[in-house]
């Protein structure tokens, strides 16, 4: 996993209990991801056990231009249920969220949000991102 050299904060704790992550996309699709704390995906992008790693492992396409190191806002998501099960956003995450369009009280960066498993989590993907240019042009 990449690490942002400008962030001194400790990695958030991994989930301690199994839970279900539901991801609702802008096209109306819903994806259910069972999360097993004993079988978390290896974190190539973002934190192990974090929303970004879980969604990528499940095959969902979510922008993450910086590689999950809290240096952009392209993995902005809305955590509609279960937000309290994750540690509060660190200052660097809040700074990056300032650049995300449509931020609300449920906004988090998927690379930084690591739920603890105490409740099921529902995430909504915005229909737009800051990174609107495709690499496939």
Protein backbone atom coordinates (compact mmCIF):
# COMPACT_ATOMS: atom_id res chain seq x y z
CA UNK A 1 0.00 0.00 0.00
CA UNK A 2 1.16 3.50 -0.75
CA UNK A 3 1.60 5.87 2.13
CA UNK A 4 1.37 9.62 2.09
CA UNK A 5 4.70 10.82 3.58
CA UNK A 6 3.04 14.01 4.83
CA UNK A 7 0.55 12.22 7.11
CA UNK A 8 1.75 11.17 10.56
CA UNK A 9 -1.57 9.74 11.75
CA UNK A 10 -1.69 6.06 12.68
CA UNK A 11 -3.69 3.75 10.44
CA UNK A 12 -7.23 3.22 11.73
CA UNK A 13 -7.97 -0.10 13.46
CA UNK A 14 -9.22 -2.92 11.25
CA UNK A 15 -12.78 -4.23 11.52
CA UNK A 16 -13.23 -6.54 14.50
CA UNK A 17 -16.56 -8.10 13.45
CA UNK A 18 -18.15 -9.29 10.23
CA UNK A 19 -20.59 -6.90 8.60
CA UNK A 20 -22.26 -6.18 5.28
CA UNK A 21 -21.21 -3.29 3.05
CA UNK A 22 -23.92 -2.19 0.62
CA UNK A 23 -22.80 0.10 -2.21
CA UNK A 24 -25.46 2.02 -4.13
CA UNK A 25 -24.33 3.48 -7.45
CA UNK A 26 -25.67 6.47 -9.35
CA UNK A 27 -27.23 4.19 -12.00
CA UNK A 28 -29.50 2.64 -9.35
CA UNK A 29 -27.53 -0.59 -8.91
CA UNK A 30 -26.89 -1.99 -5.46
CA UNK A 31 -23.94 -4.22 -4.58
CA UNK A 32 -23.68 -6.24 -1.37
CA UNK A 33 -20.21 -7.06 -0.07
CA UNK A 34 -19.82 -9.39 2.93
CA UNK A 35 -16.88 -8.22 5.03
CA UNK A 36 -15.02 -10.85 7.03
CA UNK A 37 -12.42 -9.33 9.39
CA UNK A 38 -10.43 -12.58 9.13
CA UNK A 39 -10.25 -12.36 5.35
CA UNK A 40 -9.70 -8.71 4.40
CA UNK A 41 -8.27 -7.88 0.99
CA UNK A 42 -4.63 -6.88 0.87
CA UNK A 43 -4.52 -3.11 0.68
CA UNK A 44 -2.96 -2.04 -2.57
CA UNK A 45 -5.00 1.17 -2.53
CA UNK A 46 -6.06 2.83 0.72
CA UNK A 47 -6.20 1.16 4.12
CA UNK A 48 -6.68 -2.58 4.55
CA UNK A 49 -10.31 -2.99 5.60
CA UNK A 50 -11.14 0.43 4.20
CA UNK A 51 -14.08 1.08 1.92
CA UNK A 52 -11.86 1.63 -1.13
CA UNK A 53 -10.02 -1.69 -0.76
CA UNK A 54 -13.27 -3.56 -0.15
CA UNK A 55 -14.99 -2.04 -3.18
CA UNK A 56 -12.03 -2.62 -5.49
CA UNK A 57 -11.72 -6.24 -4.33
CA UNK A 58 -15.42 -6.71 -5.11
CA UNK A 59 -14.83 -5.45 -8.65
CA UNK A 60 -16.47 -2.05 -8.31
CA UNK A 61 -14.91 0.72 -10.36
CA UNK A 62 -14.29 3.73 -8.15
CA UNK A 63 -11.97 6.61 -8.96
CA UNK A 64 -8.88 6.85 -6.76
CA UNK A 65 -6.40 9.00 -8.63
CA UNK A 66 -3.84 9.30 -5.81
CA UNK A 67 -3.74 5.56 -5.18
CA UNK A 68 -5.55 5.76 -1.85
CA UNK A 69 -3.08 7.92 0.07
CA UNK A 70 -5.42 10.80 0.99
CA UNK A 71 -3.92 13.18 -1.58
CA UNK A 72 -7.02 13.83 -3.72
CA UNK A 73 -10.79 13.68 -3.39
CA UNK A 74 -11.70 11.36 -6.26
CA UNK A 75 -12.80 8.47 -4.00
CA UNK A 76 -15.38 10.69 -2.26
CA UNK A 77 -18.40 8.66 -1.11
CA UNK A 78 -21.47 9.23 1.05
CA UNK A 79 -21.70 6.85 4.03
CA UNK A 80 -25.48 6.78 4.47
CA UNK A 81 -25.56 4.18 7.24
CA UNK A 82 -22.89 3.09 9.71
CA UNK A 83 -20.75 6.22 9.60
CA UNK A 84 -20.36 6.16 13.39
CA UNK A 85 -18.65 2.76 13.12
CA UNK A 86 -15.58 4.36 11.55
CA UNK A 87 -13.05 6.66 13.24
CA UNK A 88 -13.58 10.35 12.59
CA UNK A 89 -11.87 11.83 9.56
CA UNK A 90 -8.33 13.06 10.16
CA UNK A 91 -7.48 16.66 9.30
CA UNK A 92 -5.84 15.70 6.00
CA UNK A 93 -8.99 13.87 4.87
CA UNK A 94 -11.14 16.86 5.77
CA UNK A 95 -8.77 19.10 3.79
CA UNK A 96 -9.13 16.88 0.69
CA UNK A 97 -12.92 16.75 1.06
CA UNK A 98 -12.89 20.54 0.62
CA UNK A 99 -12.14 19.82 -3.07
CA UNK A 100 -14.92 17.25 -3.60
CA UNK A 101 -18.16 18.48 -5.20
CA UNK A 102 -21.42 17.99 -3.33
CA UNK A 103 -19.95 17.25 0.12
CA UNK A 104 -22.47 16.67 2.89
CA UNK A 105 -22.41 15.47 6.51
CA UNK A 106 -22.06 11.84 5.35
CA UNK A 107 -19.05 12.49 3.10
CA UNK A 108 -15.84 10.50 3.50
CA UNK A 109 -12.91 9.46 1.35
CA UNK A 110 -13.27 5.74 0.67
CA UNK A 111 -9.50 5.29 1.04
CA UNK A 112 -9.58 6.57 4.62
CA UNK A 113 -12.89 5.26 6.02
CA UNK A 114 -12.44 1.95 7.88
CA UNK A 115 -15.63 0.75 9.63
CA UNK A 116 -15.10 -1.40 12.73
CA UNK A 117 -17.83 -3.95 11.92
CA UNK A 118 -20.18 -3.02 14.75
CA UNK A 119 -23.01 -2.32 12.25
CA UNK A 120 -23.74 -2.84 8.57
CA UNK A 121 -22.63 0.02 6.32
CA UNK A 122 -24.42 1.60 3.34
CA UNK A 123 -22.40 3.72 0.91
CA UNK A 124 -23.67 5.82 -1.97
CA UNK A 125 -21.33 6.64 -4.86
CA UNK A 126 -21.80 10.12 -6.31
CA UNK A 127 -22.77 10.28 -9.96
CA UNK A 128 -19.83 12.60 -10.61
CA UNK A 129 -16.29 13.01 -9.41
CA UNK A 130 -13.58 15.63 -9.65
CA UNK A 131 -11.67 13.31 -11.98
CA UNK A 132 -13.86 13.42 -15.06
CA UNK A 133 -11.15 12.60 -17.61
CA UNK A 134 -10.92 8.93 -18.53
CA UNK A 135 -7.56 7.25 -19.09
CA UNK A 136 -9.20 5.45 -22.04
CA UNK A 137 -9.50 8.53 -24.29
